[in-house]
Amino acid sequence: PPGFAQRVMGLPMQRKLMLAGGIAAIFVI
């Protein structure tokens, strides 16, 4: 099975944006 980075790179652009927004929200909190 591919690694986490490979899975993220394989996601659609919309999924990537949602994931980035969630990580940014965690840092802000």
ModelCIF file with pLDDT and N, C-alpha, C, O atoms, coordinates in Angstrom:
data_MODEL
#
_entry.id   MODEL 
#
_entity.id                         1 
_entity.type                       polymer 
_entity.pdbx_number_of_molecules   1 
#
_entity_poly.entity_id                      1 
_entity_poly.type                           'polypeptide(L)' 
_entity_poly.nstd_linkage                   no 
_entity_poly.nstd_monomer                   no 
_entity_poly.pdbx_seq_one_letter_code       PPGFAQRVMGLPMQRKLMLAGGIAAIFVI 
_entity_poly.pdbx_seq_one_letter_code_can   PPGFAQRVMGLPMQRKLMLAGGIAAIFVI 
_entity_poly.pdbx_strand_id                 A 
#
loop_
_entity_poly_seq.entity_id 
_entity_poly_seq.num 
_entity_poly_seq.mon_id 
_entity_poly_seq.hetero 
1 1  PRO n 
1 2  PRO n 
1 3  GLY n 
1 4  PHE n 
1 5  ALA n 
1 6  GLN n 
1 7  ARG n 
1 8  VAL n 
1 9  MET n 
1 10 GLY n 
1 11 LEU n 
1 12 PRO n 
1 13 MET n 
1 14 GLN n 
1 15 ARG n 
1 16 LYS n 
1 17 LEU n 
1 18 MET n 
1 19 LEU n 
1 20 ALA n 
1 21 GLY n 
1 22 GLY n 
1 23 ILE n 
1 24 ALA n 
1 25 ALA n 
1 26 ILE n 
1 27 PHE n 
1 28 VAL n 
1 29 ILE n 
#
_struct_asym.id          A 
_struct_asym.entity_id   1 
#
loop_
_ma_qa_metric.id 
_ma_qa_metric.mode 
_ma_qa_metric.name 
_ma_qa_metric.software_group_id 
_ma_qa_metric.type 
1 global pLDDT . pLDDT 
2 local  pLDDT . pLDDT 
#
_ma_qa_metric_global.metric_id      1 
_ma_qa_metric_global.metric_value   75.76 
_ma_qa_metric_global.model_id       1 
_ma_qa_metric_global.ordinal_id     1 
#
loop_
_ma_qa_metric_local.label_asym_id 
_ma_qa_metric_local.label_comp_id 
_ma_qa_metric_local.label_seq_id 
_ma_qa_metric_local.metric_id 
_ma_qa_metric_local.metric_value 
_ma_qa_metric_local.model_id 
_ma_qa_metric_local.ordinal_id 
A PRO 1  2 51.00 1 1  
A PRO 2  2 56.00 1 2  
A GLY 3  2 65.00 1 3  
A PHE 4  2 64.00 1 4  
A ALA 5  2 69.00 1 5  
A GLN 6  2 73.00 1 6  
A ARG 7  2 74.00 1 7  
A VAL 8  2 69.00 1 8  
A MET 9  2 74.00 1 9  
A GLY 10 2 72.00 1 10 
A LEU 11 2 73.00 1 11 
A PRO 12 2 78.00 1 12 
A MET 13 2 78.00 1 13 
A GLN 14 2 79.00 1 14 
A ARG 15 2 78.00 1 15 
A LYS 16 2 74.00 1 16 
A LEU 17 2 81.00 1 17 
A MET 18 2 82.00 1 18 
A LEU 19 2 78.00 1 19 
A ALA 20 2 80.00 1 20 
A GLY 21 2 82.00 1 21 
A GLY 22 2 82.00 1 22 
A ILE 23 2 83.00 1 23 
A ALA 24 2 84.00 1 24 
A ALA 25 2 84.00 1 25 
A ILE 26 2 87.00 1 26 
A PHE 27 2 81.00 1 27 
A VAL 28 2 82.00 1 28 
A ILE 29 2 84.00 1 29 
#
loop_
_atom_site.group_PDB 
_atom_site.id 
_atom_site.type_symbol 
_atom_site.label_atom_id 
_atom_site.label_alt_id 
_atom_site.label_comp_id 
_atom_site.label_asym_id 
_atom_site.label_entity_id 
_atom_site.label_seq_id 
_atom_site.pdbx_PDB_ins_code 
_atom_site.Cartn_x 
_atom_site.Cartn_y 
_atom_site.Cartn_z 
_atom_site.occupancy 
_atom_site.B_iso_or_equiv 
_atom_site.pdbx_formal_charge 
_atom_site.auth_seq_id 
_atom_site.auth_comp_id 
_atom_site.auth_asym_id 
_atom_site.auth_atom_id 
_atom_site.pdbx_PDB_model_num 
ATOM 1   N N  . PRO A 1 1  ? 0.831   -1.216 0.000  1.00 51.00 ? 1  PRO A N  1 
ATOM 2   C CA . PRO A 1 1  ? 0.000   0.000  0.000  1.00 51.00 ? 1  PRO A CA 1 
ATOM 3   C C  . PRO A 1 1  ? 0.857   1.254  0.000  1.00 51.00 ? 1  PRO A C  1 
ATOM 4   O O  . PRO A 1 1  ? 1.924   1.271  0.614  1.00 51.00 ? 1  PRO A O  1 
ATOM 5   N N  . PRO A 1 2  ? 0.406   2.314  -0.683 1.00 56.00 ? 2  PRO A N  1 
ATOM 6   C CA . PRO A 1 2  ? 1.187   3.559  -0.736 1.00 56.00 ? 2  PRO A CA 1 
ATOM 7   C C  . PRO A 1 2  ? 1.197   4.255  0.613  1.00 56.00 ? 2  PRO A C  1 
ATOM 8   O O  . PRO A 1 2  ? 0.350   3.957  1.455  1.00 56.00 ? 2  PRO A O  1 
ATOM 9   N N  . GLY A 1 3  ? 2.149   5.195  0.852  1.00 65.00 ? 3  GLY A N  1 
ATOM 10  C CA . GLY A 1 3  ? 2.255   5.936  2.090  1.00 65.00 ? 3  GLY A CA 1 
ATOM 11  C C  . GLY A 1 3  ? 1.213   7.043  2.197  1.00 65.00 ? 3  GLY A C  1 
ATOM 12  O O  . GLY A 1 3  ? 0.427   7.247  1.272  1.00 65.00 ? 3  GLY A O  1 
ATOM 13  N N  . PHE A 1 4  ? 1.203   7.804  3.392  1.00 64.00 ? 4  PHE A N  1 
ATOM 14  C CA . PHE A 1 4  ? 0.216   8.860  3.625  1.00 64.00 ? 4  PHE A CA 1 
ATOM 15  C C  . PHE A 1 4  ? 0.370   9.994  2.629  1.00 64.00 ? 4  PHE A C  1 
ATOM 16  O O  . PHE A 1 4  ? -0.615  10.520 2.112  1.00 64.00 ? 4  PHE A O  1 
ATOM 17  N N  . ALA A 1 5  ? 1.633   10.370 2.363  1.00 69.00 ? 5  ALA A N  1 
ATOM 18  C CA . ALA A 1 5  ? 1.866   11.472 1.423  1.00 69.00 ? 5  ALA A CA 1 
ATOM 19  C C  . ALA A 1 5  ? 1.363   11.123 0.030  1.00 69.00 ? 5  ALA A C  1 
ATOM 20  O O  . ALA A 1 5  ? 0.797   11.962 -0.671 1.00 69.00 ? 5  ALA A O  1 
ATOM 21  N N  . GLN A 1 6  ? 1.580   9.859  -0.362 1.00 73.00 ? 6  GLN A N  1 
ATOM 22  C CA . GLN A 1 6  ? 1.112   9.434  -1.677 1.00 73.00 ? 6  GLN A CA 1 
ATOM 23  C C  . GLN A 1 6  ? -0.410  9.441  -1.741 1.00 73.00 ? 6  GLN A C  1 
ATOM 24  O O  . GLN A 1 6  ? -0.991  9.783  -2.771 1.00 73.00 ? 6  GLN A O  1 
ATOM 25  N N  . ARG A 1 7  ? -1.053  9.064  -0.644 1.00 74.00 ? 7  ARG A N  1 
ATOM 26  C CA . ARG A 1 7  ? -2.510  9.086  -0.624 1.00 74.00 ? 7  ARG A CA 1 
ATOM 27  C C  . ARG A 1 7  ? -3.045  10.515 -0.739 1.00 74.00 ? 7  ARG A C  1 
ATOM 28  O O  . ARG A 1 7  ? -4.007  10.775 -1.461 1.00 74.00 ? 7  ARG A O  1 
ATOM 29  N N  . VAL A 1 8  ? -2.401  11.437 -0.013 1.00 69.00 ? 8  VAL A N  1 
ATOM 30  C CA . VAL A 1 8  ? -2.841  12.834 -0.082 1.00 69.00 ? 8  VAL A CA 1 
ATOM 31  C C  . VAL A 1 8  ? -2.672  13.384 -1.484 1.00 69.00 ? 8  VAL A C  1 
ATOM 32  O O  . VAL A 1 8  ? -3.544  14.084 -1.999 1.00 69.00 ? 8  VAL A O  1 
ATOM 33  N N  . MET A 1 9  ? -1.543  13.061 -2.094 1.00 74.00 ? 9  MET A N  1 
ATOM 34  C CA . MET A 1 9  ? -1.304  13.556 -3.450 1.00 74.00 ? 9  MET A CA 1 
ATOM 35  C C  . MET A 1 9  ? -2.306  12.983 -4.432 1.00 74.00 ? 9  MET A C  1 
ATOM 36  O O  . MET A 1 9  ? -2.602  13.592 -5.460 1.00 74.00 ? 9  MET A O  1 
ATOM 37  N N  . GLY A 1 10 ? -2.821  11.822 -4.111 1.00 72.00 ? 10 GLY A N  1 
ATOM 38  C CA . GLY A 1 10 ? -3.774  11.193 -5.007 1.00 72.00 ? 10 GLY A CA 1 
ATOM 39  C C  . GLY A 1 10 ? -5.201  11.664 -4.830 1.00 72.00 ? 10 GLY A C  1 
ATOM 40  O O  . GLY A 1 10 ? -6.075  11.289 -5.612 1.00 72.00 ? 10 GLY A O  1 
ATOM 41  N N  . LEU A 1 11 ? -5.464  12.500 -3.794 1.00 73.00 ? 11 LEU A N  1 
ATOM 42  C CA . LEU A 1 11 ? -6.819  12.987 -3.570 1.00 73.00 ? 11 LEU A CA 1 
ATOM 43  C C  . LEU A 1 11 ? -7.185  14.062 -4.585 1.00 73.00 ? 11 LEU A C  1 
ATOM 44  O O  . LEU A 1 11 ? -6.299  14.711 -5.143 1.00 73.00 ? 11 LEU A O  1 
ATOM 45  N N  . PRO A 1 12 ? -8.480  14.258 -4.833 1.00 78.00 ? 12 PRO A N  1 
ATOM 46  C CA . PRO A 1 12 ? -8.907  15.362 -5.695 1.00 78.00 ? 12 PRO A CA 1 
ATOM 47  C C  . PRO A 1 12 ? -8.587  16.711 -5.054 1.00 78.00 ? 12 PRO A C  1 
ATOM 48  O O  . PRO A 1 12 ? -8.360  16.788 -3.847 1.00 78.00 ? 12 PRO A O  1 
ATOM 49  N N  . MET A 1 13 ? -8.570  17.763 -5.853 1.00 78.00 ? 13 MET A N  1 
ATOM 50  C CA . MET A 1 13 ? -8.204  19.079 -5.362 1.00 78.00 ? 13 MET A CA 1 
ATOM 51  C C  . MET A 1 13 ? -9.154  19.572 -4.282 1.00 78.00 ? 13 MET A C  1 
ATOM 52  O O  . MET A 1 13 ? -8.702  20.211 -3.332 1.00 78.00 ? 13 MET A O  1 
ATOM 53  N N  . GLN A 1 14 ? -10.442 19.304 -4.386 1.00 79.00 ? 14 GLN A N  1 
ATOM 54  C CA . GLN A 1 14 ? -11.406 19.729 -3.387 1.00 79.00 ? 14 GLN A CA 1 
ATOM 55  C C  . GLN A 1 14 ? -11.133 19.083 -2.043 1.00 79.00 ? 14 GLN A C  1 
ATOM 56  O O  . GLN A 1 14 ? -11.215 19.739 -1.004 1.00 79.00 ? 14 GLN A O  1 
ATOM 57  N N  . ARG A 1 15 ? -10.804 17.780 -2.060 1.00 78.00 ? 15 ARG A N  1 
ATOM 58  C CA . ARG A 1 15 ? -10.460 17.082 -0.827 1.00 78.00 ? 15 ARG A CA 1 
ATOM 59  C C  . ARG A 1 15 ? -9.182  17.651 -0.205 1.00 78.00 ? 15 ARG A C  1 
ATOM 60  O O  . ARG A 1 15 ? -9.077  17.769 1.016  1.00 78.00 ? 15 ARG A O  1 
ATOM 61  N N  . LYS A 1 16 ? -8.223  17.999 -1.046 1.00 74.00 ? 16 LYS A N  1 
ATOM 62  C CA . LYS A 1 16 ? -6.975  18.584 -0.529 1.00 74.00 ? 16 LYS A CA 1 
ATOM 63  C C  . LYS A 1 16 ? -7.242  19.908 0.175  1.00 74.00 ? 16 LYS A C  1 
ATOM 64  O O  . LYS A 1 16 ? -6.679  20.174 1.237  1.00 74.00 ? 16 LYS A O  1 
ATOM 65  N N  . LEU A 1 17 ? -8.104  20.742 -0.416 1.00 81.00 ? 17 LEU A N  1 
ATOM 66  C CA . LEU A 1 17 ? -8.421  22.034 0.202  1.00 81.00 ? 17 LEU A CA 1 
ATOM 67  C C  . LEU A 1 17 ? -9.137  21.849 1.531  1.00 81.00 ? 17 LEU A C  1 
ATOM 68  O O  . LEU A 1 17 ? -8.847  22.560 2.494  1.00 81.00 ? 17 LEU A O  1 
ATOM 69  N N  . MET A 1 18 ? -10.067 20.905 1.595  1.00 82.00 ? 18 MET A N  1 
ATOM 70  C CA . MET A 1 18 ? -10.778 20.642 2.844  1.00 82.00 ? 18 MET A CA 1 
ATOM 71  C C  . MET A 1 18 ? -9.828  20.155 3.931  1.00 82.00 ? 18 MET A C  1 
ATOM 72  O O  . MET A 1 18 ? -9.943  20.562 5.087  1.00 82.00 ? 18 MET A O  1 
ATOM 73  N N  . LEU A 1 19 ? -8.891  19.286 3.565  1.00 78.00 ? 19 LEU A N  1 
ATOM 74  C CA . LEU A 1 19 ? -7.923  18.782 4.530  1.00 78.00 ? 19 LEU A CA 1 
ATOM 75  C C  . LEU A 1 19 ? -7.016  19.905 5.035  1.00 78.00 ? 19 LEU A C  1 
ATOM 76  O O  . LEU A 1 19 ? -6.721  19.983 6.228  1.00 78.00 ? 19 LEU A O  1 
ATOM 77  N N  . ALA A 1 20 ? -6.577  20.769 4.124  1.00 80.00 ? 20 ALA A N  1 
ATOM 78  C CA . ALA A 1 20 ? -5.715  21.889 4.526  1.00 80.00 ? 20 ALA A CA 1 
ATOM 79  C C  . ALA A 1 20 ? -6.452  22.855 5.441  1.00 80.00 ? 20 ALA A C  1 
ATOM 80  O O  . ALA A 1 20 ? -5.880  23.368 6.403  1.00 80.00 ? 20 ALA A O  1 
ATOM 81  N N  . GLY A 1 21 ? -7.741  23.105 5.136  1.00 82.00 ? 21 GLY A N  1 
ATOM 82  C CA . GLY A 1 21 ? -8.529  23.984 6.003  1.00 82.00 ? 21 GLY A CA 1 
ATOM 83  C C  . GLY A 1 21 ? -8.715  23.415 7.396  1.00 82.00 ? 21 GLY A C  1 
ATOM 84  O O  . GLY A 1 21 ? -8.658  24.153 8.379  1.00 82.00 ? 21 GLY A O  1 
ATOM 85  N N  . GLY A 1 22 ? -8.937  22.110 7.494  1.00 82.00 ? 22 GLY A N  1 
ATOM 86  C CA . GLY A 1 22 ? -9.085  21.494 8.805  1.00 82.00 ? 22 GLY A CA 1 
ATOM 87  C C  . GLY A 1 22 ? -7.813  21.584 9.629  1.00 82.00 ? 22 GLY A C  1 
ATOM 88  O O  . GLY A 1 22 ? -7.870  21.864 10.827 1.00 82.00 ? 22 GLY A O  1 
ATOM 89  N N  . ILE A 1 23 ? -6.661  21.350 9.000  1.00 83.00 ? 23 ILE A N  1 
ATOM 90  C CA . ILE A 1 23 ? -5.384  21.450 9.720  1.00 83.00 ? 23 ILE A CA 1 
ATOM 91  C C  . ILE A 1 23 ? -5.140  22.880 10.180 1.00 83.00 ? 23 ILE A C  1 
ATOM 92  O O  . ILE A 1 23 ? -4.670  23.100 11.297 1.00 83.00 ? 23 ILE A O  1 
ATOM 93  N N  . ALA A 1 24 ? -5.461  23.871 9.316  1.00 84.00 ? 24 ALA A N  1 
ATOM 94  C CA . ALA A 1 24 ? -5.276  25.277 9.687  1.00 84.00 ? 24 ALA A CA 1 
ATOM 95  C C  . ALA A 1 24 ? -6.180  25.660 10.857 1.00 84.00 ? 24 ALA A C  1 
ATOM 96  O O  . ALA A 1 24 ? -5.765  26.411 11.739 1.00 84.00 ? 24 ALA A O  1 
ATOM 97  N N  . ALA A 1 25 ? -7.422  25.144 10.871 1.00 84.00 ? 25 ALA A N  1 
ATOM 98  C CA . ALA A 1 25 ? -8.342  25.446 11.967 1.00 84.00 ? 25 ALA A CA 1 
ATOM 99  C C  . ALA A 1 25 ? -7.822  24.899 13.288 1.00 84.00 ? 25 ALA A C  1 
ATOM 100 O O  . ALA A 1 25 ? -7.955  25.546 14.326 1.00 84.00 ? 25 ALA A O  1 
ATOM 101 N N  . ILE A 1 26 ? -7.230  23.708 13.252 1.00 87.00 ? 26 ILE A N  1 
ATOM 102 C CA . ILE A 1 26 ? -6.672  23.120 14.469 1.00 87.00 ? 26 ILE A CA 1 
ATOM 103 C C  . ILE A 1 26 ? -5.540  23.982 15.022 1.00 87.00 ? 26 ILE A C  1 
ATOM 104 O O  . ILE A 1 26 ? -5.448  24.189 16.232 1.00 87.00 ? 26 ILE A O  1 
ATOM 105 N N  . PHE A 1 27 ? -4.683  24.481 14.140 1.00 81.00 ? 27 PHE A N  1 
ATOM 106 C CA . PHE A 1 27 ? -3.582  25.343 14.578 1.00 81.00 ? 27 PHE A CA 1 
ATOM 107 C C  . PHE A 1 27 ? -4.100  26.653 15.155 1.00 81.00 ? 27 PHE A C  1 
ATOM 108 O O  . PHE A 1 27 ? -3.552  27.148 16.139 1.00 81.00 ? 27 PHE A O  1 
ATOM 109 N N  . VAL A 1 28 ? -5.154  27.229 14.558 1.00 82.00 ? 28 VAL A N  1 
ATOM 110 C CA . VAL A 1 28 ? -5.719  28.487 15.052 1.00 82.00 ? 28 VAL A CA 1 
ATOM 111 C C  . VAL A 1 28 ? -6.306  28.295 16.449 1.00 82.00 ? 28 VAL A C  1 
ATOM 112 O O  . VAL A 1 28 ? -6.091  29.127 17.329 1.00 82.00 ? 28 VAL A O  1 
ATOM 113 N N  . ILE A 1 29 ? -7.034  27.219 16.654 1.00 84.00 ? 29 ILE A N  1 
ATOM 114 C CA . ILE A 1 29 ? -7.616  26.943 17.971 1.00 84.00 ? 29 ILE A CA 1 
ATOM 115 C C  . ILE A 1 29 ? -6.521  26.739 19.011 1.00 84.00 ? 29 ILE A C  1 
ATOM 116 O O  . ILE A 1 29 ? -6.818  26.495 20.180 1.00 84.00 ? 29 ILE A O  1 
#
